[in-house]
C-alpha atoms as a PDB file:
ATOM      1  CA  UNK A   1     197.375  64.356 151.707  1.00  0.00           C
ATOM      2  CA  UNK A   2     199.136  61.116 152.613  1.00  0.00           C
ATOM      3  CA  UNK A   3     198.916  58.005 150.401  1.00  0.00           C
ATOM      4  CA  UNK A   4     201.128  55.488 152.162  1.00  0.00           C
ATOM      5  CA  UNK A   5     204.704  55.545 150.862  1.00  0.00           C
ATOM      6  CA  UNK A   6     203.851  57.412 147.663  1.00  0.00           C
ATOM      7  CA  UNK A   7     203.159  61.065 146.900  1.00  0.00           C
ATOM      8  CA  UNK A   8     200.239  60.289 144.631  1.00  0.00           C
ATOM      9  CA  UNK A   9     196.930  58.447 145.021  1.00  0.00           C
ATOM     10  CA  UNK A  10     198.058  55.057 143.719  1.00  0.00           C
ATOM     11  CA  UNK A  11     195.720  52.226 142.755  1.00  0.00           C
ATOM     12  CA  UNK A  12     197.529  49.936 145.194  1.00  0.00           C
ATOM     13  CA  UNK A  13     196.813  52.334 148.087  1.00  0.00           C
ATOM     14  CA  UNK A  14     193.208  52.818 146.932  1.00  0.00           C
ATOM     15  CA  UNK A  15     192.470  49.068 146.861  1.00  0.00           C
ATOM     16  CA  UNK A  16     194.202  48.342 150.157  1.00  0.00           C
ATOM     17  CA  UNK A  17     192.119  51.061 151.781  1.00  0.00           C
ATOM     18  CA  UNK A  18     188.902  49.480 150.459  1.00  0.00           C
ATOM     19  CA  UNK A  19     189.688  45.784 150.918  1.00  0.00           C
ATOM     20  CA  UNK A  20     192.295  45.836 153.675  1.00  0.00           C
ATOM     21  CA  UNK A  21     194.854  43.899 151.631  1.00  0.00           C
ATOM     22  CA  UNK A  22     196.539  43.857 148.235  1.00  0.00           C
ATOM     23  CA  UNK A  23     194.230  43.246 145.264  1.00  0.00           C
ATOM     24  CA  UNK A  24     195.765  42.136 141.959  1.00  0.00           C
ATOM     25  CA  UNK A  25     194.351  42.477 138.440  1.00  0.00           C
ATOM     26  CA  UNK A  26     193.798  39.383 136.311  1.00  0.00           C
ATOM     27  CA  UNK A  27     193.873  40.059 132.550  1.00  0.00           C
ATOM     28  CA  UNK A  28     191.178  38.261 130.566  1.00  0.00           C
ATOM     29  CA  UNK A  29     190.524  37.694 126.878  1.00  0.00           C
ATOM     30  CA  UNK A  30     186.830  37.784 125.969  1.00  0.00           C
ATOM     31  CA  UNK A  31     187.408  37.160 122.258  1.00  0.00           C
ATOM     32  CA  UNK A  32     186.501  40.677 121.133  1.00  0.00           C
ATOM     33  CA  UNK A  33     187.669  42.702 118.153  1.00  0.00           C
ATOM     34  CA  UNK A  34     187.510  46.457 117.433  1.00  0.00           C
ATOM     35  CA  UNK A  35     185.593  48.701 114.983  1.00  0.00           C
ATOM     36  CA  UNK A  36     188.923  49.962 113.625  1.00  0.00           C
ATOM     37  CA  UNK A  37     189.860  46.386 112.726  1.00  0.00           C
ATOM     38  CA  UNK A  38     186.696  44.635 111.530  1.00  0.00           C
ATOM     39  CA  UNK A  39     186.003  47.086 108.687  1.00  0.00           C
ATOM     40  CA  UNK A  40     183.444  49.238 110.484  1.00  0.00           C
ATOM     41  CA  UNK A  41     185.891  52.137 110.884  1.00  0.00           C
ATOM     42  CA  UNK A  42     189.020  50.584 109.449  1.00  0.00           C
ATOM     43  CA  UNK A  43     191.001  47.364 109.211  1.00  0.00           C
ATOM     44  CA  UNK A  44     194.438  48.193 110.656  1.00  0.00           C
ATOM     45  CA  UNK A  45     193.540  49.301 114.177  1.00  0.00           C
ATOM     46  CA  UNK A  46     195.082  52.242 115.976  1.00  0.00           C
ATOM     47  CA  UNK A  47     198.526  53.086 114.677  1.00  0.00           C
ATOM     48  CA  UNK A  48     200.301  51.996 117.869  1.00  0.00           C
ATOM     49  CA  UNK A  49     198.402  48.733 118.493  1.00  0.00           C
ATOM     50  CA  UNK A  50     200.006  45.345 118.017  1.00  0.00           C
ATOM     51  CA  UNK A  51     198.099  42.387 116.612  1.00  0.00           C
ATOM     52  CA  UNK A  52     196.956  41.666 120.182  1.00  0.00           C
ATOM     53  CA  UNK A  53     195.090  44.986 120.421  1.00  0.00           C
ATOM     54  CA  UNK A  54     196.999  46.498 123.349  1.00  0.00           C
ATOM     55  CA  UNK A  55     196.435  43.319 125.311  1.00  0.00           C
ATOM     56  CA  UNK A  56     199.666  41.472 124.679  1.00  0.00           C
ATOM     57  CA  UNK A  57     199.655  39.998 128.173  1.00  0.00           C
ATOM     58  CA  UNK A  58     196.150  38.599 127.948  1.00  0.00           C
ATOM     59  CA  UNK A  59     195.090  38.073 124.330  1.00  0.00           C
ATOM     60  CA  UNK A  60     195.019  34.545 123.020  1.00  0.00           C
ATOM     61  CA  UNK A  61     194.153  32.946 126.343  1.00  0.00           C
ATOM     62  CA  UNK A  62     192.040  29.824 126.092  1.00  0.00           C
ATOM     63  CA  UNK A  63     189.062  28.614 128.033  1.00  0.00           C
ATOM     64  CA  UNK A  64     186.002  30.144 129.622  1.00  0.00           C
ATOM     65  CA  UNK A  65     186.197  33.283 131.738  1.00  0.00           C
ATOM     66  CA  UNK A  66     186.101  31.134 134.886  1.00  0.00           C
ATOM     67  CA  UNK A  67     188.882  28.895 133.574  1.00  0.00           C
ATOM     68  CA  UNK A  68     191.024  31.930 132.710  1.00  0.00           C
ATOM     69  CA  UNK A  69     190.543  33.370 136.215  1.00  0.00           C
ATOM     70  CA  UNK A  70     191.347  30.087 137.943  1.00  0.00           C
ATOM     71  CA  UNK A  71     194.436  29.513 135.784  1.00  0.00           C
ATOM     72  CA  UNK A  72     195.723  33.074 136.339  1.00  0.00           C
ATOM     73  CA  UNK A  73     195.418  32.731 140.110  1.00  0.00           C
ATOM     74  CA  UNK A  74     197.129  29.338 140.037  1.00  0.00           C
ATOM     75  CA  UNK A  75     199.962  30.634 137.833  1.00  0.00           C
ATOM     76  CA  UNK A  76     200.727  33.714 139.921  1.00  0.00           C
ATOM     77  CA  UNK A  77     204.058  33.657 141.726  1.00  0.00           C
ATOM     78  CA  UNK A  78     203.765  33.545 145.528  1.00  0.00           C
ATOM     79  CA  UNK A  79     204.876  37.175 145.927  1.00  0.00           C
ATOM     80  CA  UNK A  80     202.009  38.349 143.671  1.00  0.00           C
ATOM     81  CA  UNK A  81     199.239  36.399 145.346  1.00  0.00           C
ATOM     82  CA  UNK A  82     196.732  38.604 147.122  1.00  0.00           C
ATOM     83  CA  UNK A  83     194.602  38.386 150.202  1.00  0.00           C
ATOM     84  CA  UNK A  84     192.184  36.178 148.310  1.00  0.00           C
ATOM     85  CA  UNK A  85     190.657  38.873 146.039  1.00  0.00           C
ATOM     86  CA  UNK A  86     191.311  39.974 142.458  1.00  0.00           C
ATOM     87  CA  UNK A  87     190.012  42.407 139.824  1.00  0.00           C
ATOM     88  CA  UNK A  88     188.830  40.764 136.588  1.00  0.00           C
ATOM     89  CA  UNK A  89     190.335  42.935 133.855  1.00  0.00           C
ATOM     90  CA  UNK A  90     188.819  42.593 130.390  1.00  0.00           C
ATOM     91  CA  UNK A  91     191.821  44.006 128.549  1.00  0.00           C
ATOM     92  CA  UNK A  92     192.248  42.871 124.937  1.00  0.00           C
ATOM     93  CA  UNK A  93     190.652  44.930 122.155  1.00  0.00           C
ATOM     94  CA  UNK A  94     187.215  46.557 122.773  1.00  0.00           C
ATOM     95  CA  UNK A  95     185.345  44.767 125.530  1.00  0.00           C
ATOM     96  CA  UNK A  96     181.862  46.149 124.971  1.00  0.00           C
ATOM     97  CA  UNK A  97     181.961  45.569 121.207  1.00  0.00           C
ATOM     98  CA  UNK A  98     179.538  42.641 121.167  1.00  0.00           C
ATOM     99  CA  UNK A  99     175.806  41.941 121.570  1.00  0.00           C
ATOM    100  CA  UNK A 100     174.525  42.767 125.048  1.00  0.00           C
ATOM    101  CA  UNK A 101     173.444  39.141 125.617  1.00  0.00           C
ATOM    102  CA  UNK A 102     177.042  37.982 125.176  1.00  0.00           C
ATOM    103  CA  UNK A 103     178.350  40.786 127.392  1.00  0.00           C
ATOM    104  CA  UNK A 104     175.851  39.820 130.062  1.00  0.00           C
ATOM    105  CA  UNK A 105     177.055  36.210 129.970  1.00  0.00           C
ATOM    106  CA  UNK A 106     180.788  36.927 130.302  1.00  0.00           C
ATOM    107  CA  UNK A 107     180.553  39.829 132.747  1.00  0.00           C
ATOM    108  CA  UNK A 108     178.187  37.980 135.093  1.00  0.00           C
ATOM    109  CA  UNK A 109     180.446  34.920 134.908  1.00  0.00           C
ATOM    110  CA  UNK A 110     183.424  37.039 136.017  1.00  0.00           C
ATOM    111  CA  UNK A 111     181.664  39.064 138.700  1.00  0.00           C
ATOM    112  CA  UNK A 112     180.088  35.935 140.223  1.00  0.00           C
ATOM    113  CA  UNK A 113     183.477  34.281 140.819  1.00  0.00           C
ATOM    114  CA  UNK A 114     184.168  34.049 144.548  1.00  0.00           C
ATOM    115  CA  UNK A 115     187.741  35.368 144.151  1.00  0.00           C
ATOM    116  CA  UNK A 116     186.722  38.432 142.126  1.00  0.00           C
ATOM    117  CA  UNK A 117     186.273  41.725 144.002  1.00  0.00           C
ATOM    118  CA  UNK A 118     185.132  43.672 140.933  1.00  0.00           C
ATOM    119  CA  UNK A 119     185.550  43.978 137.185  1.00  0.00           C
ATOM    120  CA  UNK A 120     187.355  46.473 134.972  1.00  0.00           C
ATOM    121  CA  UNK A 121     186.335  46.756 131.326  1.00  0.00           C
ATOM    122  CA  UNK A 122     188.653  48.321 128.741  1.00  0.00           C
ATOM    123  CA  UNK A 123     186.699  49.723 125.811  1.00  0.00           C
ATOM    124  CA  UNK A 124     186.032  52.666 123.503  1.00  0.00           C
ATOM    125  CA  UNK A 125     183.513  55.465 124.139  1.00  0.00           C
ATOM    126  CA  UNK A 126     181.914  54.855 120.732  1.00  0.00           C
ATOM    127  CA  UNK A 127     181.139  51.249 121.732  1.00  0.00           C
ATOM    128  CA  UNK A 128     178.922  51.826 124.769  1.00  0.00           C
ATOM    129  CA  UNK A 129     175.197  51.869 124.091  1.00  0.00           C
ATOM    130  CA  UNK A 130     172.404  52.752 126.501  1.00  0.00           C
ATOM    131  CA  UNK A 131     171.666  49.008 126.785  1.00  0.00           C
ATOM    132  CA  UNK A 132     175.285  48.330 127.693  1.00  0.00           C
ATOM    133  CA  UNK A 133     175.163  51.079 130.317  1.00  0.00           C
ATOM    134  CA  UNK A 134     172.073  49.509 131.863  1.00  0.00           C
ATOM    135  CA  UNK A 135     173.897  46.175 132.010  1.00  0.00           C
ATOM    136  CA  UNK A 136     176.823  47.846 133.786  1.00  0.00           C
ATOM    137  CA  UNK A 137     174.374  49.281 136.312  1.00  0.00           C
ATOM    138  CA  UNK A 138     173.025  45.783 137.006  1.00  0.00           C
ATOM    139  CA  UNK A 139     176.546  44.465 137.529  1.00  0.00           C
ATOM    140  CA  UNK A 140     177.390  47.340 139.833  1.00  0.00           C
ATOM    141  CA  UNK A 141     174.640  46.234 142.194  1.00  0.00           C
ATOM    142  CA  UNK A 142     176.691  43.065 142.780  1.00  0.00           C
ATOM    143  CA  UNK A 143     180.308  44.290 142.869  1.00  0.00           C
ATOM    144  CA  UNK A 144     182.236  47.395 141.756  1.00  0.00           C
ATOM    145  CA  UNK A 145     182.509  48.019 138.013  1.00  0.00           C
ATOM    146  CA  UNK A 146     185.112  50.205 136.302  1.00  0.00           C
ATOM    147  CA  UNK A 147     184.980  51.275 132.672  1.00  0.00           C
ATOM    148  CA  UNK A 148     188.342  52.117 131.107  1.00  0.00           C
ATOM    149  CA  UNK A 149     188.095  54.469 128.116  1.00  0.00           C
ATOM    150  CA  UNK A 150     190.946  54.920 125.643  1.00  0.00           C
ATOM    151  CA  UNK A 151     191.032  58.673 125.076  1.00  0.00           C
ATOM    152  CA  UNK A 152     194.821  59.022 124.535  1.00  0.00           C
ATOM    153  CA  UNK A 153     194.600  62.727 123.580  1.00  0.00           C
ATOM    154  CA  UNK A 154     192.082  65.577 123.292  1.00  0.00           C
ATOM    155  CA  UNK A 155     193.737  66.932 120.146  1.00  0.00           C
ATOM    156  CA  UNK A 156     191.804  66.021 117.007  1.00  0.00           C
ATOM    157  CA  UNK A 157     194.795  66.188 114.619  1.00  0.00           C
ATOM    158  CA  UNK A 158     196.658  63.662 116.725  1.00  0.00           C
ATOM    159  CA  UNK A 159     193.530  61.520 117.116  1.00  0.00           C
ATOM    160  CA  UNK A 160     193.148  61.322 113.337  1.00  0.00           C
ATOM    161  CA  UNK A 161     196.829  60.485 112.891  1.00  0.00           C
ATOM    162  CA  UNK A 162     196.659  57.575 115.355  1.00  0.00           C
ATOM    163  CA  UNK A 163     193.347  56.442 113.785  1.00  0.00           C
ATOM    164  CA  UNK A 164     191.422  56.616 117.042  1.00  0.00           C
ATOM    165  CA  UNK A 165     188.174  56.567 115.095  1.00  0.00           C
ATOM    166  CA  UNK A 166     185.986  58.936 117.111  1.00  0.00           C
ATOM    167  CA  UNK A 167     185.852  62.635 117.986  1.00  0.00           C
ATOM    168  CA  UNK A 168     186.088  64.248 121.404  1.00  0.00           C
ATOM    169  CA  UNK A 169     182.357  64.929 121.618  1.00  0.00           C
ATOM    170  CA  UNK A 170     181.718  61.162 121.503  1.00  0.00           C
ATOM    171  CA  UNK A 171     183.978  60.730 124.534  1.00  0.00           C
ATOM    172  CA  UNK A 172     182.157  63.529 126.356  1.00  0.00           C
ATOM    173  CA  UNK A 173     178.729  62.034 125.670  1.00  0.00           C
ATOM    174  CA  UNK A 174     179.803  58.616 126.942  1.00  0.00           C
ATOM    175  CA  UNK A 175     181.442  60.023 130.066  1.00  0.00           C
ATOM    176  CA  UNK A 176     178.236  61.926 130.807  1.00  0.00           C
ATOM    177  CA  UNK A 177     176.140  58.799 130.228  1.00  0.00           C
ATOM    178  CA  UNK A 178     178.277  56.673 132.557  1.00  0.00           C
ATOM    179  CA  UNK A 179     178.817  59.288 135.251  1.00  0.00           C
ATOM    180  CA  UNK A 180     175.069  59.934 135.413  1.00  0.00           C
ATOM    181  CA  UNK A 181     174.771  56.281 136.490  1.00  0.00           C
ATOM    182  CA  UNK A 182     177.631  56.635 139.020  1.00  0.00           C
ATOM    183  CA  UNK A 183     179.834  54.191 137.112  1.00  0.00           C
ATOM    184  CA  UNK A 184     183.542  54.703 137.779  1.00  0.00           C
ATOM    185  CA  UNK A 185     185.469  55.828 134.700  1.00  0.00           C
ATOM    186  CA  UNK A 186     189.204  55.414 134.144  1.00  0.00           C
ATOM    187  CA  UNK A 187     190.776  57.314 131.246  1.00  0.00           C
ATOM    188  CA  UNK A 188     193.815  56.142 129.279  1.00  0.00           C
ATOM    189  CA  UNK A 189     196.257  58.804 128.051  1.00  0.00           C
ATOM    190  CA  UNK A 190     199.368  58.164 125.947  1.00  0.00           C
ATOM    191  CA  UNK A 191     202.346  60.422 126.609  1.00  0.00           C
ATOM    192  CA  UNK A 192     204.687  60.923 123.668  1.00  0.00           C
ATOM    193  CA  UNK A 193     202.339  60.624 120.700  1.00  0.00           C
ATOM    194  CA  UNK A 194     204.037  61.795 117.479  1.00  0.00           C
ATOM    195  CA  UNK A 195     204.525  65.567 117.253  1.00  0.00           C
ATOM    196  CA  UNK A 196     202.566  66.431 120.414  1.00  0.00           C
ATOM    197  CA  UNK A 197     204.312  69.001 122.600  1.00  0.00           C
ATOM    198  CA  UNK A 198     204.483  68.800 126.378  1.00  0.00           C
ATOM    199  CA  UNK A 199     202.099  71.759 126.540  1.00  0.00           C
ATOM    200  CA  UNK A 200     199.553  69.853 124.442  1.00  0.00           C
ATOM    201  CA  UNK A 201     199.927  66.808 126.685  1.00  0.00           C
ATOM    202  CA  UNK A 202     199.263  68.953 129.753  1.00  0.00           C
ATOM    203  CA  UNK A 203     196.160  70.352 128.026  1.00  0.00           C
ATOM    204  CA  UNK A 204     194.851  66.769 127.814  1.00  0.00           C
ATOM    205  CA  UNK A 205     195.684  66.196 131.481  1.00  0.00           C
ATOM    206  CA  UNK A 206     193.918  69.415 132.541  1.00  0.00           C
ATOM    207  CA  UNK A 207     190.865  68.424 130.510  1.00  0.00           C
ATOM    208  CA  UNK A 208     190.695  65.090 132.358  1.00  0.00           C
ATOM    209  CA  UNK A 209     191.347  66.823 135.695  1.00  0.00           C
ATOM    210  CA  UNK A 210     188.111  68.750 135.206  1.00  0.00           C
ATOM    211  CA  UNK A 211     186.089  65.746 133.993  1.00  0.00           C
ATOM    212  CA  UNK A 212     183.863  63.511 136.151  1.00  0.00           C
ATOM    213  CA  UNK A 213     186.227  60.540 136.087  1.00  0.00           C
ATOM    214  CA  UNK A 214     187.677  58.659 139.053  1.00  0.00           C
ATOM    215  CA  UNK A 215     190.994  57.425 137.665  1.00  0.00           C
ATOM    216  CA  UNK A 216     193.644  57.803 135.000  1.00  0.00           C
ATOM    217  CA  UNK A 217     196.274  55.654 133.319  1.00  0.00           C
ATOM    218  CA  UNK A 218     199.366  57.447 132.047  1.00  0.00           C
ATOM    219  CA  UNK A 219     200.898  55.312 129.316  1.00  0.00           C
ATOM    220  CA  UNK A 220     204.323  55.854 127.765  1.00  0.00           C
ATOM    221  CA  UNK A 221     204.161  55.520 123.972  1.00  0.00           C
ATOM    222  CA  UNK A 222     205.771  52.233 122.949  1.00  0.00           C
ATOM    223  CA  UNK A 223     206.929  51.667 119.388  1.00  0.00           C
ATOM    224  CA  UNK A 224     206.255  47.984 118.717  1.00  0.00           C
ATOM    225  CA  UNK A 225     207.260  45.743 115.848  1.00  0.00           C
ATOM    226  CA  UNK A 226     204.625  45.006 113.218  1.00  0.00           C
ATOM    227  CA  UNK A 227     202.644  48.176 113.942  1.00  0.00           C
ATOM    228  CA  UNK A 228     202.106  51.077 111.570  1.00  0.00           C
ATOM    229  CA  UNK A 229     203.737  53.341 114.147  1.00  0.00           C
ATOM    230  CA  UNK A 230     206.976  51.419 113.590  1.00  0.00           C
ATOM    231  CA  UNK A 231     207.035  52.746 110.009  1.00  0.00           C
ATOM    232  CA  UNK A 232     207.256  56.290 111.403  1.00  0.00           C
ATOM    233  CA  UNK A 233     210.008  55.464 113.882  1.00  0.00           C
ATOM    234  CA  UNK A 234     212.786  58.036 113.547  1.00  0.00           C
ATOM    235  CA  UNK A 235     210.463  60.826 112.390  1.00  0.00           C
ATOM    236  CA  UNK A 236     209.269  61.909 115.846  1.00  0.00           C
ATOM    237  CA  UNK A 237     210.780  62.457 119.264  1.00  0.00           C
ATOM    238  CA  UNK A 238     211.078  59.547 121.695  1.00  0.00           C
ATOM    239  CA  UNK A 239     211.267  60.552 125.349  1.00  0.00           C
ATOM    240  CA  UNK A 240     214.378  59.805 127.347  1.00  0.00           C
ATOM    241  CA  UNK A 241     213.756  58.360 130.809  1.00  0.00           C
ATOM    242  CA  UNK A 242     214.605  61.723 132.360  1.00  0.00           C
ATOM    243  CA  UNK A 243     212.188  63.596 130.080  1.00  0.00           C
ATOM    244  CA  UNK A 244     209.397  61.116 130.670  1.00  0.00           C
ATOM    245  CA  UNK A 245     209.683  60.987 134.450  1.00  0.00           C
ATOM    246  CA  UNK A 246     209.749  64.797 134.633  1.00  0.00           C
ATOM    247  CA  UNK A 247     206.617  64.945 132.473  1.00  0.00           C
ATOM    248  CA  UNK A 248     204.795  62.381 134.622  1.00  0.00           C
ATOM    249  CA  UNK A 249     205.464  64.513 137.703  1.00  0.00           C
ATOM    250  CA  UNK A 250     204.093  67.582 135.921  1.00  0.00           C
ATOM    251  CA  UNK A 251     200.986  65.575 134.993  1.00  0.00           C
ATOM    252  CA  UNK A 252     200.479  64.502 138.607  1.00  0.00           C
ATOM    253  CA  UNK A 253     200.668  68.112 139.760  1.00  0.00           C
ATOM    254  CA  UNK A 254     197.754  68.950 137.471  1.00  0.00           C
ATOM    255  CA  UNK A 255     195.480  66.136 138.655  1.00  0.00           C
ATOM    256  CA  UNK A 256     193.035  66.314 141.576  1.00  0.00           C
ATOM    257  CA  UNK A 257     194.303  64.770 144.781  1.00  0.00           C
ATOM    258  CA  UNK A 258     191.371  62.333 144.905  1.00  0.00           C
ATOM    259  CA  UNK A 259     191.920  60.968 141.372  1.00  0.00           C
ATOM    260  CA  UNK A 260     193.293  57.424 141.475  1.00  0.00           C
ATOM    261  CA  UNK A 261     196.469  56.861 139.459  1.00  0.00           C
ATOM    262  CA  UNK A 262     196.127  53.416 137.905  1.00  0.00           C
ATOM    263  CA  UNK A 263     199.349  53.552 135.882  1.00  0.00           C
ATOM    264  CA  UNK A 264     202.413  55.766 135.478  1.00  0.00           C
ATOM    265  CA  UNK A 265     204.198  54.095 132.573  1.00  0.00           C
ATOM    266  CA  UNK A 266     203.196  50.729 131.077  1.00  0.00           C
ATOM    267  CA  UNK A 267     204.543  47.422 129.831  1.00  0.00           C
ATOM    268  CA  UNK A 268     205.922  46.831 126.348  1.00  0.00           C
ATOM    269  CA  UNK A 269     206.537  43.171 125.443  1.00  0.00           C
ATOM    270  CA  UNK A 270     210.317  42.733 125.225  1.00  0.00           C
ATOM    271  CA  UNK A 271     210.043  40.636 122.064  1.00  0.00           C
ATOM    272  CA  UNK A 272     208.119  43.410 120.278  1.00  0.00           C
ATOM    273  CA  UNK A 273     209.536  46.627 121.736  1.00  0.00           C
ATOM    274  CA  UNK A 274     211.573  48.837 119.384  1.00  0.00           C
ATOM    275  CA  UNK A 275     211.696  51.940 121.575  1.00  0.00           C
ATOM    276  CA  UNK A 276     212.215  53.247 124.165  1.00  0.00           C
ATOM    277  CA  UNK A 277     214.258  50.318 125.452  1.00  0.00           C
ATOM    278  CA  UNK A 278     214.791  51.967 128.842  1.00  0.00           C
ATOM    279  CA  UNK A 279     211.096  51.357 129.550  1.00  0.00           C
ATOM    280  CA  UNK A 280     211.777  47.626 129.948  1.00  0.00           C
ATOM    281  CA  UNK A 281     213.137  48.443 133.412  1.00  0.00           C
ATOM    282  CA  UNK A 282     209.730  49.411 134.741  1.00  0.00           C
ATOM    283  CA  UNK A 283     210.659  49.168 138.407  1.00  0.00           C
ATOM    284  CA  UNK A 284     213.564  51.549 137.824  1.00  0.00           C
ATOM    285  CA  UNK A 285     211.255  54.048 136.083  1.00  0.00           C
ATOM    286  CA  UNK A 286     208.764  53.997 138.969  1.00  0.00           C
ATOM    287  CA  UNK A 287     211.571  54.360 141.509  1.00  0.00           C
ATOM    288  CA  UNK A 288     212.887  57.379 139.590  1.00  0.00           C
ATOM    289  CA  UNK A 289     209.446  59.026 139.641  1.00  0.00           C
ATOM    290  CA  UNK A 290     209.094  58.452 143.379  1.00  0.00           C
ATOM    291  CA  UNK A 291     212.609  59.771 144.027  1.00  0.00           C
ATOM    292  CA  UNK A 292     212.022  62.927 141.972  1.00  0.00           C
ATOM    293  CA  UNK A 293     208.711  63.591 143.707  1.00  0.00           C
ATOM    294  CA  UNK A 294     210.454  63.482 147.063  1.00  0.00           C
ATOM    295  CA  UNK A 295     213.354  65.638 145.880  1.00  0.00           C
ATOM    296  CA  UNK A 296     210.931  68.280 144.560  1.00  0.00           C
ATOM    297  CA  UNK A 297     208.769  67.896 147.670  1.00  0.00           C
ATOM    298  CA  UNK A 298     205.747  67.843 145.380  1.00  0.00           C
ATOM    299  CA  UNK A 299     202.444  65.975 145.613  1.00  0.00           C
ATOM    300  CA  UNK A 300     199.595  65.036 143.320  1.00  0.00           C
ATOM    301  CA  UNK A 301     197.097  67.881 143.097  1.00  0.00           C
ATOM    302  CA  UNK A 302     199.504  70.585 144.241  1.00  0.00           C
ATOM    303  CA  UNK A 303     198.280  73.089 141.655  1.00  0.00           C
ATOM    304  CA  UNK A 304     194.505  72.818 142.034  1.00  0.00           C
ATOM    305  CA  UNK A 305     191.573  70.623 142.945  1.00  0.00           C
ATOM    306  CA  UNK A 306     188.825  69.322 140.694  1.00  0.00           C
ATOM    307  CA  UNK A 307     186.026  71.815 140.100  1.00  0.00           C
ATOM    308  CA  UNK A 308     183.255  69.419 139.047  1.00  0.00           C
END
């Protein structure tokens, strides 16, 4: 399989193939919260989340959805501007954790914008009702819709430690509900969660490889200031750049060749990041992954293809 200059099915390649030019994501803040913060399932959020709810580059934006989109496009540097089309990314907190009438208003506002090619909605599997799924189906008749689910790990001990707030069967039920409606699902996985071994991480990757999802985000664990995870810093292993890039390559080898790779590392705000500091040089990390893939002469999906 050939994916442009890369040895994996990158999001950039995937979008260029569909739209014929580069398509950039625009991060939006819809004013949501999370059941692990509002008292429903807790008040402190997931152990690794900052006050911005894993949306440090979008949370706190002002204005309507349309105003946020227009401002983001205007503010983009010339080298990031696209061929006129963008993905509206509802990123901060849990973006289906609101009444369906409100969701309908903001999602239709985004998808109706003439510069928006589709929408991507970051949320939790325990916050998607049947009514919400029906709304997503309506939206999908207009433009593509992606739902991004924060799984992070399949291991229940780790899930409890990070205060994820739901069990694996909830994830499975939601994936089944969405896939039955042909809604594209992207799964978030964190590599380097406290006390997880590489073998356990690969078990999570293999589980996703055999699930009916279209994409995956591999996220390096960031230890951020003012998070509960920061209190545990020094009690668990932090990947070196070499360890992390080797692990990413192993993950890619276990994923189906048609699964879109939306992320290979992640961004930690420099003013909040405690560790690993090497991750601030994101371009260098991605270059290292690409170099190692070429040196190993390995490709995404080398070990097996998806079975379902």
